[in-house]
């Protein structure tokens, strides 16, 4: 999968001091992009929990999640295709 997302300096993105783990973001995203099956995708996704984008058991969402959103949407589109359009109500 190829994405058009620009590189991010994850250490420069603020996060909760006790929970934020910027070192796991790039390897986790790379693993997700290169995953060829459900298990590999699940492992990569799990590596992003616990301080990369969310801190699961505390319920904290990290600001880095916003920076990663375009990449994550690219991953979603590569797997499922474009999001279905729903009529406006």
Protein backbone atom coordinates (compact mmCIF):
# COMPACT_ATOMS: atom_id res chain seq x y z
CA UNK A 1 0.00 0.00 0.00
CA UNK A 2 1.25 3.47 -0.84
CA UNK A 3 0.09 6.55 0.98
CA UNK A 4 0.51 10.23 0.29
CA UNK A 5 0.78 11.22 3.93
CA UNK A 6 3.70 13.50 4.78
CA UNK A 7 6.18 12.37 7.44
CA UNK A 8 5.43 13.45 11.00
CA UNK A 9 7.90 14.13 13.80
CA UNK A 10 5.99 12.15 16.41
CA UNK A 11 8.20 13.41 19.24
CA UNK A 12 7.15 16.98 18.41
CA UNK A 13 3.45 16.11 18.77
CA UNK A 14 2.30 16.76 22.34
CA UNK A 15 0.86 13.95 24.40
CA UNK A 16 0.04 13.04 27.97
CA UNK A 17 3.47 12.83 29.66
CA UNK A 18 2.93 9.57 31.50
CA UNK A 19 1.09 7.79 28.68
CA UNK A 20 2.38 9.07 25.31
CA UNK A 21 4.82 6.71 23.54
CA UNK A 22 5.85 8.33 20.24
CA UNK A 23 8.49 5.65 19.58
CA UNK A 24 5.85 3.01 18.79
CA UNK A 25 3.93 5.07 16.22
CA UNK A 26 6.11 4.81 13.12
CA UNK A 27 6.77 1.05 13.46
CA UNK A 28 3.09 0.44 14.20
CA UNK A 29 1.93 2.43 11.18
CA UNK A 30 4.52 0.74 8.97
CA UNK A 31 3.33 -2.66 10.20
CA UNK A 32 -0.26 -1.70 9.47
CA UNK A 33 0.61 -0.50 5.97
CA UNK A 34 2.54 -3.70 5.22
CA UNK A 35 0.05 -6.11 6.82
CA UNK A 36 -1.06 -8.81 4.44
CA UNK A 37 -3.63 -10.45 6.67
CA UNK A 38 -5.94 -9.97 9.60
CA UNK A 39 -3.48 -11.19 12.23
CA UNK A 40 -0.68 -8.87 11.06
CA UNK A 41 -3.09 -5.93 10.91
CA UNK A 42 -4.38 -6.73 14.39
CA UNK A 43 -0.84 -6.93 15.78
CA UNK A 44 0.10 -3.59 14.24
CA UNK A 45 -3.10 -1.98 15.48
CA UNK A 46 -2.56 -3.34 18.98
CA UNK A 47 0.93 -1.86 19.02
CA UNK A 48 -0.65 1.58 18.54
CA UNK A 49 -2.77 1.17 21.67
CA UNK A 50 -1.27 1.85 25.05
CA UNK A 51 0.28 5.21 24.33
CA UNK A 52 0.56 5.88 20.61
CA UNK A 53 -2.92 7.13 19.69
CA UNK A 54 -4.90 6.02 22.71
CA UNK A 55 -4.13 4.79 26.18
CA UNK A 56 -6.71 2.05 26.38
CA UNK A 57 -7.50 1.54 30.04
CA UNK A 58 -7.32 5.26 30.93
CA UNK A 59 -9.48 6.29 28.00
CA UNK A 60 -7.01 9.00 26.96
CA UNK A 61 -6.86 9.89 23.28
CA UNK A 62 -3.51 11.28 22.13
CA UNK A 63 -3.22 14.34 19.87
CA UNK A 64 -1.05 12.21 17.55
CA UNK A 65 -4.22 10.43 16.43
CA UNK A 66 -5.26 13.57 14.54
CA UNK A 67 -1.94 13.66 12.69
CA UNK A 68 -2.30 10.00 11.75
CA UNK A 69 -5.91 10.29 10.56
CA UNK A 70 -5.06 10.83 6.85
CA UNK A 71 -2.82 7.75 6.86
CA UNK A 72 -5.41 5.65 8.67
CA UNK A 73 -8.05 6.74 6.15
CA UNK A 74 -5.69 5.68 3.33
CA UNK A 75 -5.40 2.25 4.98
CA UNK A 76 -9.17 2.01 5.29
CA UNK A 77 -9.67 2.95 1.62
CA UNK A 78 -7.05 0.45 0.46
CA UNK A 79 -8.86 -2.36 2.27
CA UNK A 80 -12.52 -1.47 1.87
CA UNK A 81 -12.59 0.98 -1.04
CA UNK A 82 -14.19 4.42 -0.88
CA UNK A 83 -16.61 5.10 1.94
CA UNK A 84 -20.22 4.74 0.85
CA UNK A 85 -22.06 7.98 0.36
CA UNK A 86 -25.23 8.37 2.36
CA UNK A 87 -27.93 10.78 1.29
CA UNK A 88 -28.18 13.99 3.29
CA UNK A 89 -31.23 14.18 5.46
